[in-house]
Structures are given as structure tokens and as C-alpha cells.
Amino acid sequence: MSVTIIGAGNMGRGIGTRLVSGGHSVTYMDREPEKAKALAAEISAKARKGAKAEGVAFGSPIKDEIVFLAVPYGATGQIIERLGKQLDGKIIVDITNPLNATYSGMAVAPGTSGAEEIAKQLPADAVVLKAFNTTFAKTLVDGEVEGKQLDVFIAGDAAEPKEKVSRLVEDGGLRAIDAGALERARQLEAVGFLGIALQQELGTGFQSAWKILS
């Protein structure tokens, strides 16, 4: 598969690394085209099975079915407004954690999630999935923590899009876990917030991971 990642930051690097290492091509779209091209060149060294990476300017035509929003939650509204109909019919993967300005709590009201609010803004035929919000960028580049495979929780209301994103996850060497309907993004975002809040206390430097063991 080929995937578009909006945002050429640290999470874009981590997710893109997993995708190309699993044989899937990536197009980075960023407001700084040179940053997108530089990141594409960087991760190309880890590409397998003919996967390719390229960088383009924000607003370029989106040719891929799956689009990752690898940007801060506060930037998603402007992105959706700018891209508009380009996102219609796409599978939108929201990786954000909607934190307030002081990082002391959530920026969305109780009883909803950032993913659900994003879904309200998108064209009617776009499908939103929540994923990767509980994983940190450096752990994604490495693909593991302490020799253990990363878990990626996926929430959404549509089965086929979930299956496609699960394949991306698993081809990249990670474990995909179906977390249920899109409203489960409320709990995933709470877990994401907790993981961020604990980093200084634990001294783990954003190199820890949530893992289901049995």
C-alpha cells in the first residue's frame, strides 16, 4: 500500500519508518516541503520490498487512500479546512492526543474525544480511525522497547479500514489490537495523556511503551 503522512515531525518519522520497513510507500506532506523531502530521504534507507518515500508541499494532490494526521491536535482543524474535499472517501488515521495548553488535562469536553471531533469536521465519506497515540516516536523508529514488540491500539467504526491499517501495523513488525468503536478513542486518549504525564516522574525519556501481556 501507499500512504500519505501529513506532518514531517518526530511521529511522522516513527510511523514512516515502520511503514517503509514493512514494504509500504510513504508520501510526506508538510508546510515545509524541504523538511518533508529530507525526512523521506532519511527513512528511504530503511525501506524494504520496493517501498519508496517522497516529500511534497502541503496542499499537493493526495493520491493515497490512507492519510495519517501526524500533527498536533490543535492543527487538525486548519488542515481539514484547507484540504477539504481531498479527504473525502479517505481513511483518516488520527494519532493525536488532544492536550490543553499546559499539558495538565484534555482539550476536549468530557464525553467525546479528539478523534470524534475530527470526524465531525471531515467530509461525509471520510472514515476516521484512532491509532498510534499511545506510542512514542523513538520507540516507533526502533520498533520495540526492551526487546518487546510494540502494541498499536486501533479504534474505529468501520471493519475494512481497520483491517487495512492493521496490516500496515503488522507488516511494520508491530502488533495491532482492535480497541473497538471510535468512541473508545476517549480511553485511548486518556492512556496517551497518562503516558506523557508519567515520563518525567519515571525518567523514561519518552522511550517507554504500553504493552498488553498475558
N, C-alpha and C. Protein backbone atom coordinates (compact mmCIF):
# COMPACT_ATOMS: atom_id res chain seq x y z
N MET A 1 0.83 -1.20 0.00
CA MET A 1 0.00 0.00 0.00
C MET A 1 0.87 1.25 0.00
N SER A 2 0.27 2.35 -0.39
CA SER A 2 0.91 3.66 -0.32
C SER A 2 0.11 4.55 0.61
N VAL A 3 0.81 5.33 1.43
CA VAL A 3 0.19 6.09 2.50
C VAL A 3 0.71 7.52 2.47
N THR A 4 -0.16 8.47 2.78
CA THR A 4 0.25 9.86 2.95
C THR A 4 0.30 10.19 4.43
N ILE A 5 1.40 10.80 4.86
CA ILE A 5 1.53 11.26 6.24
C ILE A 5 1.61 12.78 6.22
N ILE A 6 0.64 13.41 6.84
CA ILE A 6 0.65 14.87 6.95
C ILE A 6 1.41 15.23 8.22
N GLY A 7 2.57 15.84 8.03
CA GLY A 7 3.43 16.19 9.15
C GLY A 7 4.75 15.44 9.08
N ALA A 8 5.85 16.19 9.00
CA ALA A 8 7.17 15.59 8.88
C ALA A 8 7.97 15.78 10.17
N GLY A 9 7.29 15.58 11.30
CA GLY A 9 7.94 15.70 12.60
C GLY A 9 8.37 14.35 13.13
N ASN A 10 8.56 14.29 14.45
CA ASN A 10 9.08 13.06 15.07
C ASN A 10 8.14 11.87 14.91
N MET A 11 6.84 12.09 15.11
CA MET A 11 5.91 10.98 14.96
C MET A 11 5.79 10.56 13.50
N GLY A 12 5.87 11.53 12.60
CA GLY A 12 5.89 11.19 11.18
C GLY A 12 7.08 10.31 10.86
N ARG A 13 8.23 10.62 11.46
CA ARG A 13 9.43 9.80 11.26
C ARG A 13 9.20 8.39 11.79
N GLY A 14 8.66 8.27 13.01
CA GLY A 14 8.47 6.95 13.61
C GLY A 14 7.50 6.09 12.82
N ILE A 15 6.35 6.65 12.47
CA ILE A 15 5.35 5.89 11.72
C ILE A 15 5.87 5.56 10.32
N GLY A 16 6.48 6.54 9.69
CA GLY A 16 7.00 6.30 8.35
C GLY A 16 8.06 5.22 8.32
N THR A 17 8.90 5.17 9.35
CA THR A 17 9.93 4.14 9.44
C THR A 17 9.30 2.75 9.48
N ARG A 18 8.26 2.60 10.29
CA ARG A 18 7.57 1.30 10.38
C ARG A 18 6.93 0.94 9.04
N LEU A 19 6.33 1.92 8.38
CA LEU A 19 5.62 1.64 7.14
C LEU A 19 6.58 1.19 6.04
N VAL A 20 7.67 1.94 5.82
CA VAL A 20 8.58 1.57 4.73
C VAL A 20 9.33 0.28 5.05
N SER A 21 9.60 0.04 6.32
CA SER A 21 10.28 -1.21 6.68
C SER A 21 9.37 -2.41 6.45
N GLY A 22 8.06 -2.15 6.41
CA GLY A 22 7.10 -3.21 6.12
C GLY A 22 6.74 -3.31 4.65
N GLY A 23 7.41 -2.51 3.81
CA GLY A 23 7.18 -2.60 2.37
C GLY A 23 6.11 -1.69 1.81
N HIS A 24 5.73 -0.66 2.58
CA HIS A 24 4.68 0.26 2.13
C HIS A 24 5.28 1.65 1.86
N SER A 25 4.90 2.25 0.77
CA SER A 25 5.45 3.54 0.36
C SER A 25 4.78 4.69 1.12
N VAL A 26 5.54 5.76 1.31
CA VAL A 26 5.08 6.90 2.11
C VAL A 26 5.30 8.20 1.35
N THR A 27 4.29 9.06 1.39
CA THR A 27 4.43 10.43 0.92
C THR A 27 4.25 11.36 2.11
N TYR A 28 5.27 12.13 2.43
CA TYR A 28 5.17 13.13 3.49
C TYR A 28 4.66 14.44 2.90
N MET A 29 3.68 15.02 3.57
CA MET A 29 3.16 16.32 3.18
C MET A 29 3.35 17.28 4.34
N ASP A 30 4.02 18.40 4.09
CA ASP A 30 4.32 19.34 5.16
C ASP A 30 4.33 20.76 4.61
N ARG A 31 4.09 21.71 5.52
CA ARG A 31 4.13 23.12 5.11
C ARG A 31 5.55 23.54 4.73
N GLU A 32 6.53 22.78 5.17
CA GLU A 32 7.93 23.00 4.79
C GLU A 32 8.35 21.85 3.87
N PRO A 33 8.21 22.02 2.57
CA PRO A 33 8.48 20.92 1.64
C PRO A 33 9.88 20.34 1.77
N GLU A 34 10.87 21.17 2.05
CA GLU A 34 12.24 20.66 2.17
C GLU A 34 12.37 19.74 3.37
N LYS A 35 11.64 20.04 4.44
CA LYS A 35 11.64 19.17 5.62
C LYS A 35 11.03 17.82 5.27
N ALA A 36 9.95 17.85 4.51
CA ALA A 36 9.30 16.60 4.08
C ALA A 36 10.24 15.78 3.19
N LYS A 37 10.93 16.44 2.28
CA LYS A 37 11.85 15.73 1.38
C LYS A 37 13.03 15.15 2.14
N ALA A 38 13.53 15.91 3.13
CA ALA A 38 14.66 15.43 3.91
C ALA A 38 14.29 14.19 4.72
N LEU A 39 13.10 14.20 5.31
CA LEU A 39 12.66 13.05 6.09
C LEU A 39 12.44 11.84 5.19
N ALA A 40 11.88 12.07 4.02
CA ALA A 40 11.68 10.98 3.06
C ALA A 40 13.01 10.35 2.68
N ALA A 41 14.02 11.18 2.46
CA ALA A 41 15.34 10.67 2.11
C ALA A 41 15.93 9.87 3.27
N GLU A 42 15.70 10.33 4.49
CA GLU A 42 16.23 9.66 5.68
C GLU A 42 15.65 8.25 5.85
N ILE A 43 14.33 8.15 5.75
CA ILE A 43 13.72 6.84 6.01
C ILE A 43 13.84 5.90 4.82
N SER A 44 14.20 6.42 3.66
CA SER A 44 14.36 5.55 2.49
C SER A 44 15.40 4.47 2.71
N ALA A 45 16.37 4.76 3.60
CA ALA A 45 17.42 3.78 3.89
C ALA A 45 16.86 2.54 4.57
N LYS A 46 15.68 2.65 5.17
CA LYS A 46 15.07 1.52 5.88
C LYS A 46 13.95 0.86 5.07
N ALA A 47 13.76 1.31 3.84
CA ALA A 47 12.68 0.77 3.02
C ALA A 47 12.98 -0.66 2.57
N ARG A 48 11.95 -1.47 2.53
CA ARG A 48 12.07 -2.86 2.11
C ARG A 48 11.00 -3.18 1.06
N LYS A 49 11.24 -4.24 0.30
CA LYS A 49 10.28 -4.76 -0.66
C LYS A 49 9.82 -3.72 -1.68
N GLY A 50 10.73 -2.87 -2.09
CA GLY A 50 10.43 -1.90 -3.13
C GLY A 50 9.71 -0.65 -2.66
N ALA A 51 9.53 -0.48 -1.35
CA ALA A 51 8.85 0.71 -0.83
C ALA A 51 9.66 1.96 -1.14
N LYS A 52 8.97 3.06 -1.32
CA LYS A 52 9.61 4.34 -1.61
C LYS A 52 9.07 5.42 -0.67
N ALA A 53 9.79 6.51 -0.55
CA ALA A 53 9.35 7.65 0.25
C ALA A 53 9.63 8.93 -0.52
N GLU A 54 8.69 9.85 -0.45
CA GLU A 54 8.87 11.15 -1.09
C GLU A 54 8.28 12.24 -0.21
N GLY A 55 8.69 13.46 -0.43
CA GLY A 55 8.16 14.60 0.30
C GLY A 55 7.56 15.62 -0.64
N VAL A 56 6.39 16.15 -0.27
CA VAL A 56 5.70 17.14 -1.10
C VAL A 56 5.21 18.30 -0.25
N ALA A 57 4.82 19.35 -0.90
CA ALA A 57 4.31 20.53 -0.20
C ALA A 57 2.89 20.30 0.30
N PHE A 58 2.56 20.92 1.41
CA PHE A 58 1.20 20.84 1.94
C PHE A 58 0.21 21.39 0.91
N GLY A 59 -0.86 20.66 0.69
CA GLY A 59 -1.86 21.06 -0.30
C GLY A 59 -1.70 20.37 -1.64
N SER A 60 -0.63 19.61 -1.80
CA SER A 60 -0.46 18.83 -3.03
C SER A 60 -1.57 17.80 -3.15
N PRO A 61 -1.87 17.33 -4.35
CA PRO A 61 -2.91 16.30 -4.50
C PRO A 61 -2.59 15.05 -3.68
N ILE A 62 -3.60 14.52 -3.03
CA ILE A 62 -3.44 13.31 -2.23
C ILE A 62 -3.92 12.13 -3.05
N LYS A 63 -3.00 11.24 -3.39
CA LYS A 63 -3.36 10.11 -4.24
C LYS A 63 -3.65 8.84 -3.45
N ASP A 64 -3.29 8.83 -2.17
CA ASP A 64 -3.39 7.62 -1.36
C ASP A 64 -4.72 7.54 -0.62
N GLU A 65 -5.17 6.30 -0.39
CA GLU A 65 -6.43 6.09 0.33
C GLU A 65 -6.29 6.35 1.82
N ILE A 66 -5.12 6.06 2.38
CA ILE A 66 -4.91 6.18 3.83
C ILE A 66 -4.06 7.41 4.11
N VAL A 67 -4.56 8.26 5.01
CA VAL A 67 -3.89 9.52 5.35
C VAL A 67 -3.72 9.59 6.87
N PHE A 68 -2.48 9.74 7.31
CA PHE A 68 -2.19 9.90 8.73
C PHE A 68 -2.10 11.39 9.08
N LEU A 69 -2.76 11.78 10.17
CA LEU A 69 -2.63 13.13 10.69
C LEU A 69 -1.56 13.11 11.78
N ALA A 70 -0.32 13.33 11.40
CA ALA A 70 0.81 13.29 12.33
C ALA A 70 1.20 14.71 12.72
N VAL A 71 0.24 15.42 13.28
CA VAL A 71 0.40 16.82 13.66
C VAL A 71 -0.22 17.00 15.04
N PRO A 72 0.06 18.12 15.73
CA PRO A 72 -0.63 18.37 17.00
C PRO A 72 -2.13 18.49 16.80
N TYR A 73 -2.89 18.11 17.82
CA TYR A 73 -4.34 18.16 17.70
C TYR A 73 -4.84 19.55 17.30
N GLY A 74 -4.24 20.58 17.85
CA GLY A 74 -4.68 21.94 17.56
C GLY A 74 -4.54 22.35 16.11
N ALA A 75 -3.73 21.64 15.36
CA ALA A 75 -3.53 21.97 13.94
C ALA A 75 -4.49 21.25 13.02
N THR A 76 -5.23 20.28 13.53
CA THR A 76 -6.05 19.44 12.65
C THR A 76 -7.18 20.20 11.98
N GLY A 77 -7.78 21.15 12.69
CA GLY A 77 -8.90 21.89 12.12
C GLY A 77 -8.49 22.67 10.88
N GLN A 78 -7.36 23.36 10.95
CA GLN A 78 -6.88 24.13 9.81
C GLN A 78 -6.52 23.22 8.64
N ILE A 79 -5.93 22.08 8.95
CA ILE A 79 -5.57 21.13 7.90
C ILE A 79 -6.81 20.62 7.18
N ILE A 80 -7.81 20.24 7.95
CA ILE A 80 -9.05 19.74 7.34
C ILE A 80 -9.72 20.83 6.52
N GLU A 81 -9.73 22.04 7.03
CA GLU A 81 -10.34 23.15 6.30
C GLU A 81 -9.62 23.41 4.98
N ARG A 82 -8.31 23.33 5.00
CA ARG A 82 -7.51 23.60 3.80
C ARG A 82 -7.65 22.48 2.77
N LEU A 83 -7.58 21.24 3.23
CA LEU A 83 -7.59 20.12 2.28
C LEU A 83 -8.99 19.76 1.82
N GLY A 84 -9.99 20.00 2.68
CA GLY A 84 -11.39 19.86 2.31
C GLY A 84 -11.73 18.57 1.60
N LYS A 85 -12.20 18.70 0.38
CA LYS A 85 -12.71 17.55 -0.36
C LYS A 85 -11.64 16.53 -0.72
N GLN A 86 -10.38 16.92 -0.63
CA GLN A 86 -9.31 15.94 -0.88
C GLN A 86 -9.39 14.78 0.10
N LEU A 87 -9.98 15.03 1.26
CA LEU A 87 -10.06 13.99 2.30
C LEU A 87 -11.32 13.16 2.21
N ASP A 88 -12.21 13.52 1.31
CA ASP A 88 -13.46 12.76 1.15
C ASP A 88 -13.15 11.36 0.64
N GLY A 89 -13.72 10.35 1.29
CA GLY A 89 -13.50 8.97 0.88
C GLY A 89 -12.20 8.37 1.39
N LYS A 90 -11.41 9.13 2.12
CA LYS A 90 -10.13 8.64 2.62
C LYS A 90 -10.30 7.98 3.99
N ILE A 91 -9.34 7.14 4.34
CA ILE A 91 -9.23 6.61 5.69
C ILE A 91 -8.27 7.52 6.43
N ILE A 92 -8.79 8.25 7.40
CA ILE A 92 -8.00 9.22 8.14
C ILE A 92 -7.58 8.60 9.47
N VAL A 93 -6.28 8.48 9.69
CA VAL A 93 -5.76 7.92 10.93
C VAL A 93 -5.31 9.07 11.83
N ASP A 94 -6.06 9.27 12.90
CA ASP A 94 -5.77 10.33 13.87
C ASP A 94 -4.84 9.78 14.94
N ILE A 95 -3.63 10.34 15.04
CA ILE A 95 -2.67 9.86 16.04
C ILE A 95 -2.56 10.83 17.20
N THR A 96 -3.36 11.88 17.23
CA THR A 96 -3.15 12.97 18.17
C THR A 96 -3.63 12.65 19.59
N ASN A 97 -3.06 13.39 20.53
CA ASN A 97 -3.57 13.43 21.90
C ASN A 97 -4.00 14.87 22.18
N PRO A 98 -5.30 15.10 22.37
CA PRO A 98 -5.81 16.47 22.50
C PRO A 98 -5.57 17.05 23.89
N LEU A 99 -4.34 17.51 24.13
CA LEU A 99 -3.98 18.06 25.44
C LEU A 99 -4.17 19.57 25.47
N ASN A 100 -4.45 20.08 26.66
CA ASN A 100 -4.62 21.53 26.79
C ASN A 100 -3.27 22.23 26.75
N ALA A 101 -3.29 23.55 26.82
CA ALA A 101 -2.06 24.33 26.62
C ALA A 101 -1.00 24.08 27.69
N THR A 102 -1.43 23.69 28.89
CA THR A 102 -0.48 23.45 29.98
C THR A 102 -0.12 21.97 30.13
N TYR A 103 -0.65 21.12 29.27
CA TYR A 103 -0.41 19.67 29.31
C TYR A 103 -0.87 19.06 30.64
N SER A 104 -1.86 19.70 31.25
CA SER A 104 -2.36 19.22 32.54
C SER A 104 -3.68 18.47 32.41
N GLY A 105 -4.23 18.38 31.22
CA GLY A 105 -5.50 17.71 31.01
C GLY A 105 -5.88 17.73 29.54
N MET A 106 -7.11 17.34 29.27
CA MET A 106 -7.57 17.22 27.89
C MET A 106 -8.17 18.54 27.39
N ALA A 107 -8.05 18.75 26.09
CA ALA A 107 -8.59 19.96 25.46
C ALA A 107 -10.00 19.75 24.92
N VAL A 108 -10.52 18.54 25.04
CA VAL A 108 -11.89 18.26 24.59
C VAL A 108 -12.79 18.04 25.80
N ALA A 109 -14.08 18.24 25.61
CA ALA A 109 -15.03 18.11 26.70
C ALA A 109 -15.21 16.65 27.11
N PRO A 110 -15.63 16.41 28.34
CA PRO A 110 -15.95 15.03 28.74
C PRO A 110 -17.03 14.45 27.82
N GLY A 111 -16.97 13.16 27.58
CA GLY A 111 -17.97 12.50 26.74
C GLY A 111 -17.68 12.55 25.26
N THR A 112 -16.46 12.97 24.89
CA THR A 112 -16.07 12.95 23.49
C THR A 112 -14.56 12.72 23.43
N SER A 113 -14.02 12.76 22.24
CA SER A 113 -12.58 12.57 22.04
C SER A 113 -12.12 13.45 20.90
N GLY A 114 -10.81 13.62 20.81
CA GLY A 114 -10.29 14.36 19.67
C GLY A 114 -10.64 13.70 18.35
N ALA A 115 -10.58 12.37 18.32
CA ALA A 115 -10.91 11.65 17.09
C ALA A 115 -12.35 11.89 16.67
N GLU A 116 -13.26 11.87 17.63
CA GLU A 116 -14.68 12.10 17.32
C GLU A 116 -14.92 13.53 16.85
N GLU A 117 -14.20 14.48 17.42
CA GLU A 117 -14.34 15.87 16.99
C GLU A 117 -13.78 16.06 15.59
N ILE A 118 -12.68 15.40 15.29
CA ILE A 118 -12.11 15.44 13.94
C ILE A 118 -13.09 14.86 12.93
N ALA A 119 -13.74 13.75 13.31
CA ALA A 119 -14.70 13.11 12.40
C ALA A 119 -15.84 14.05 12.03
N LYS A 120 -16.24 14.90 12.96
CA LYS A 120 -17.33 15.85 12.69
C LYS A 120 -16.95 16.89 11.65
N GLN A 121 -15.66 17.17 11.53
CA GLN A 121 -15.19 18.22 10.62
C GLN A 121 -14.89 17.72 9.22
N LEU A 122 -14.74 16.42 9.09
CA LEU A 122 -14.34 15.85 7.81
C LEU A 122 -15.51 15.69 6.84
N PRO A 123 -15.23 15.56 5.55
CA PRO A 123 -16.29 15.26 4.58
C PRO A 123 -17.02 13.97 4.96
N ALA A 124 -18.25 13.85 4.53
CA ALA A 124 -19.14 12.77 4.99
C ALA A 124 -18.60 11.37 4.72
N ASP A 125 -17.88 11.19 3.61
CA ASP A 125 -17.43 9.85 3.25
C ASP A 125 -16.03 9.51 3.75
N ALA A 126 -15.44 10.37 4.56
CA ALA A 126 -14.16 10.04 5.17
C ALA A 126 -14.39 9.13 6.37
N VAL A 127 -13.47 8.23 6.62
CA VAL A 127 -13.55 7.31 7.77
C VAL A 127 -12.39 7.62 8.72
N VAL A 128 -12.70 7.80 9.99
CA VAL A 128 -11.67 8.14 10.98
C VAL A 128 -11.35 6.93 11.84
N LEU A 129 -10.06 6.67 12.01
CA LEU A 129 -9.56 5.67 12.95
C LEU A 129 -8.62 6.36 13.93
N LYS A 130 -8.63 5.89 15.15
CA LYS A 130 -7.66 6.35 16.15
C LYS A 130 -6.58 5.29 16.27
N ALA A 131 -5.32 5.69 16.17
CA ALA A 131 -4.22 4.73 16.29
C ALA A 131 -2.92 5.47 16.56
N PHE A 132 -1.95 4.79 17.12
CA PHE A 132 -0.60 5.28 17.36
C PHE A 132 -0.50 6.40 18.40
N ASN A 133 -1.59 6.77 19.05
CA ASN A 133 -1.50 7.87 20.02
C ASN A 133 -0.88 7.43 21.34
N THR A 134 -0.76 6.11 21.57
CA THR A 134 -0.14 5.63 22.80
C THR A 134 1.30 5.18 22.59
N THR A 135 1.84 5.39 21.40
CA THR A 135 3.23 5.04 21.11
C THR A 135 4.05 6.31 20.94
N PHE A 136 5.29 6.27 21.36
CA PHE A 136 6.18 7.43 21.24
C PHE A 136 7.06 7.29 20.00
N ALA A 137 7.54 8.43 19.51
CA ALA A 137 8.26 8.47 18.24
C ALA A 137 9.51 7.60 18.23
N LYS A 138 10.35 7.73 19.25
CA LYS A 138 11.61 6.99 19.26
C LYS A 138 11.36 5.49 19.31
N THR A 139 10.35 5.05 20.06
CA THR A 139 10.07 3.62 20.13
C THR A 139 9.60 3.09 18.78
N LEU A 140 8.91 3.92 18.01
CA LEU A 140 8.47 3.50 16.68
C LEU A 140 9.65 3.37 15.72
N VAL A 141 10.61 4.27 15.82
CA VAL A 141 11.79 4.15 14.98
C VAL A 141 12.50 2.83 15.27
N ASP A 142 12.61 2.49 16.55
CA ASP A 142 13.27 1.25 16.94
C ASP A 142 12.40 0.02 16.69
N GLY A 143 11.07 0.21 16.78
CA GLY A 143 10.14 -0.88 16.56
C GLY A 143 9.91 -1.77 17.77
N GLU A 144 10.53 -1.41 18.91
CA GLU A 144 10.39 -2.24 20.10
C GLU A 144 10.85 -1.45 21.33
N VAL A 145 10.54 -1.98 22.50
CA VAL A 145 11.07 -1.47 23.76
C VAL A 145 11.53 -2.67 24.57
N GLU A 146 12.81 -2.67 24.97
CA GLU A 146 13.37 -3.78 25.75
C GLU A 146 13.13 -5.14 25.07
N GLY A 147 13.26 -5.13 23.76
CA GLY A 147 13.10 -6.37 23.01
C GLY A 147 11.68 -6.84 22.82
N LYS A 148 10.71 -6.04 23.25
CA LYS A 148 9.30 -6.42 23.14
C LYS A 148 8.62 -5.63 22.03
N GLN A 149 7.82 -6.34 21.25
CA GLN A 149 7.06 -5.77 20.14
C GLN A 149 6.08 -4.71 20.66
N LEU A 150 5.96 -3.61 19.96
CA LEU A 150 5.03 -2.56 20.35
C LEU A 150 3.59 -2.95 20.03
N ASP A 151 2.67 -2.56 20.90
CA ASP A 151 1.24 -2.71 20.65
C ASP A 151 0.68 -1.40 20.10
N VAL A 152 -0.13 -1.49 19.06
CA VAL A 152 -0.80 -0.32 18.49
C VAL A 152 -2.30 -0.56 18.58
N PHE A 153 -2.97 0.25 19.37
CA PHE A 153 -4.41 0.12 19.58
C PHE A 153 -5.14 0.92 18.51
N ILE A 154 -6.15 0.30 17.90
CA ILE A 154 -6.87 0.92 16.79
C ILE A 154 -8.36 0.96 17.14
N ALA A 155 -8.93 2.16 17.14
CA ALA A 155 -10.36 2.32 17.40
C ALA A 155 -11.03 2.90 16.17
N GLY A 156 -12.22 2.39 15.84
CA GLY A 156 -12.95 2.90 14.69
C GLY A 156 -14.22 2.10 14.46
N ASP A 157 -15.09 2.65 13.64
CA ASP A 157 -16.40 2.04 13.43
C ASP A 157 -16.50 1.20 12.16
N ALA A 158 -15.46 1.20 11.33
CA ALA A 158 -15.53 0.50 10.04
C ALA A 158 -14.51 -0.63 10.01
N ALA A 159 -14.97 -1.84 9.70
CA ALA A 159 -14.12 -3.03 9.77
C ALA A 159 -13.03 -3.05 8.70
N GLU A 160 -13.38 -2.78 7.45
CA GLU A 160 -12.38 -2.89 6.38
C GLU A 160 -11.24 -1.89 6.55
N PRO A 161 -11.51 -0.62 6.83
CA PRO A 161 -10.40 0.30 7.10
C PRO A 161 -9.52 -0.15 8.25
N LYS A 162 -10.12 -0.69 9.31
CA LYS A 162 -9.32 -1.22 10.42
C LYS A 162 -8.39 -2.33 9.95
N GLU A 163 -8.91 -3.20 9.09
CA GLU A 163 -8.09 -4.30 8.60
C GLU A 163 -6.90 -3.78 7.79
N LYS A 164 -7.12 -2.75 7.00
CA LYS A 164 -6.04 -2.19 6.19
C LYS A 164 -4.96 -1.55 7.06
N VAL A 165 -5.38 -0.80 8.06
CA VAL A 165 -4.41 -0.16 8.95
C VAL A 165 -3.72 -1.21 9.82
N SER A 166 -4.45 -2.23 10.22
CA SER A 166 -3.84 -3.32 10.99
C SER A 166 -2.74 -4.01 10.18
N ARG A 167 -2.98 -4.16 8.89
CA ARG A 167 -1.95 -4.77 8.03
C ARG A 167 -0.70 -3.89 8.00
N LEU A 168 -0.87 -2.58 7.90
CA LEU A 168 0.27 -1.67 7.92
C LEU A 168 1.06 -1.84 9.21
N VAL A 169 0.33 -1.90 10.31
CA VAL A 169 0.95 -2.04 11.63
C VAL A 169 1.75 -3.33 11.71
N GLU A 170 1.13 -4.43 11.32
CA GLU A 170 1.76 -5.74 11.48
C GLU A 170 2.89 -5.95 10.49
N ASP A 171 2.76 -5.43 9.28
CA ASP A 171 3.86 -5.53 8.32
C ASP A 171 5.10 -4.79 8.82
N GLY A 172 4.87 -3.75 9.63
CA GLY A 172 5.98 -2.98 10.20
C GLY A 172 6.57 -3.59 11.45
N GLY A 173 6.12 -4.81 11.80
CA GLY A 173 6.69 -5.52 12.93
C GLY A 173 6.04 -5.23 14.26
N LEU A 174 4.88 -4.58 14.25
CA LEU A 174 4.17 -4.24 15.48
C LEU A 174 2.93 -5.12 15.62
N ARG A 175 2.28 -5.07 16.78
CA ARG A 175 1.06 -5.84 16.99
C ARG A 175 -0.14 -4.90 16.98
N ALA A 176 -1.09 -5.17 16.09
CA ALA A 176 -2.32 -4.38 16.01
C ALA A 176 -3.36 -4.97 16.95
N ILE A 177 -3.99 -4.11 17.75
CA ILE A 177 -5.03 -4.54 18.67
C ILE A 177 -6.29 -3.73 18.39
N ASP A 178 -7.38 -4.41 18.06
CA ASP A 178 -8.66 -3.75 17.81
C ASP A 178 -9.23 -3.30 19.15
N ALA A 179 -9.32 -2.00 19.35
CA ALA A 179 -9.79 -1.43 20.61
C ALA A 179 -11.29 -1.16 20.63
N GLY A 180 -11.97 -1.48 19.52
CA GLY A 180 -13.42 -1.27 19.49
C GLY A 180 -13.83 -0.08 18.66
N ALA A 181 -15.01 0.44 18.95
CA ALA A 181 -15.60 1.53 18.18
C ALA A 181 -14.81 2.83 18.37
N LEU A 182 -15.11 3.81 17.53
CA LEU A 182 -14.37 5.08 17.58
C LEU A 182 -14.49 5.75 18.95
N GLU A 183 -15.60 5.53 19.65
CA GLU A 183 -15.74 6.16 20.97
C GLU A 183 -14.72 5.64 21.98
N ARG A 184 -14.08 4.51 21.68
CA ARG A 184 -13.01 4.01 22.55
C ARG A 184 -11.78 4.91 22.46
N ALA A 185 -11.78 5.82 21.48
CA ALA A 185 -10.69 6.81 21.42
C ALA A 185 -10.64 7.64 22.68
N ARG A 186 -11.77 7.78 23.39
CA ARG A 186 -11.78 8.53 24.64
C ARG A 186 -10.83 7.90 25.64
N GLN A 187 -10.88 6.58 25.76
CA GLN A 187 -9.99 5.89 26.68
C GLN A 187 -8.55 5.87 26.16
N LEU A 188 -8.39 5.69 24.86
CA LEU A 188 -7.03 5.68 24.30
C LEU A 188 -6.35 7.03 24.50
N GLU A 189 -7.10 8.11 24.34
CA GLU A 189 -6.50 9.42 24.55
C GLU A 189 -6.17 9.66 26.01
N ALA A 190 -6.96 9.11 26.91
CA ALA A 190 -6.65 9.20 28.34
C ALA A 190 -5.37 8.43 28.65
N VAL A 191 -5.22 7.25 28.04
CA VAL A 191 -3.99 6.47 28.22
C VAL A 191 -2.80 7.22 27.63
N GLY A 192 -3.00 7.84 26.47
CA GLY A 192 -1.93 8.63 25.86
C GLY A 192 -1.50 9.76 26.76
N PHE A 193 -2.46 10.47 27.35
CA PHE A 193 -2.16 11.56 28.27
C PHE A 193 -1.39 11.06 29.49
N LEU A 194 -1.83 9.94 30.06
CA LEU A 194 -1.16 9.38 31.22
C LEU A 194 0.28 9.01 30.89
N GLY A 195 0.49 8.40 29.73
CA GLY A 195 1.85 8.04 29.33
C GLY A 195 2.76 9.25 29.24
N ILE A 196 2.25 10.34 28.69
CA ILE A 196 3.03 11.58 28.58
C ILE A 196 3.30 12.16 29.96
N ALA A 197 2.28 12.17 30.82
CA ALA A 197 2.40 12.77 32.15
C ALA A 197 3.39 12.02 33.03
N LEU A 198 3.56 10.72 32.80
CA LEU A 198 4.44 9.91 33.65
C LEU A 198 5.91 9.96 33.25
N GLN A 199 6.22 10.51 32.08
CA GLN A 199 7.59 10.42 31.59
C GLN A 199 8.60 11.08 32.53
N GLN A 200 8.33 12.27 33.01
CA GLN A 200 9.28 12.94 33.90
C GLN A 200 9.38 12.21 35.23
N GLU A 201 8.24 11.78 35.76
CA GLU A 201 8.23 11.07 37.04
C GLU A 201 9.04 9.79 36.98
N LEU A 202 8.92 9.06 35.88
CA LEU A 202 9.60 7.78 35.74
C LEU A 202 11.01 7.92 35.16
N GLY A 203 11.29 9.07 34.57
CA GLY A 203 12.59 9.28 33.95
C GLY A 203 12.83 8.41 32.73
N THR A 204 11.77 8.10 32.00
CA THR A 204 11.88 7.18 30.87
C THR A 204 12.11 7.88 29.52
N GLY A 205 12.11 9.20 29.52
CA GLY A 205 12.52 9.92 28.32
C GLY A 205 11.74 9.59 27.07
N PHE A 206 10.45 9.35 27.21
CA PHE A 206 9.60 9.04 26.07
C PHE A 206 10.09 7.82 25.29
N GLN A 207 10.68 6.88 26.02
CA GLN A 207 11.11 5.62 25.40
C GLN A 207 10.48 4.43 26.10
N SER A 208 9.30 4.65 26.67
CA SER A 208 8.53 3.58 27.30
C SER A 208 7.37 3.22 26.37
N ALA A 209 6.61 2.19 26.76
CA ALA A 209 5.50 1.75 25.91
C ALA A 209 4.44 1.07 26.75
N TRP A 210 3.19 1.17 26.31
CA TRP A 210 2.09 0.42 26.87
C TRP A 210 2.03 -0.93 26.17
N LYS A 211 1.99 -2.01 26.94
CA LYS A 211 2.05 -3.35 26.36
C LYS A 211 1.05 -4.25 27.09
N ILE A 212 0.24 -4.99 26.35
CA ILE A 212 -0.67 -5.99 26.92
C ILE A 212 0.07 -7.32 27.01
N LEU A 213 0.21 -7.83 28.20
CA LEU A 213 0.88 -9.10 28.41
C LEU A 213 -0.09 -10.10 29.06
N SER A 214 0.11 -11.36 28.78
CA SER A 214 -0.72 -12.39 29.42
C SER A 214 0.09 -13.64 29.63
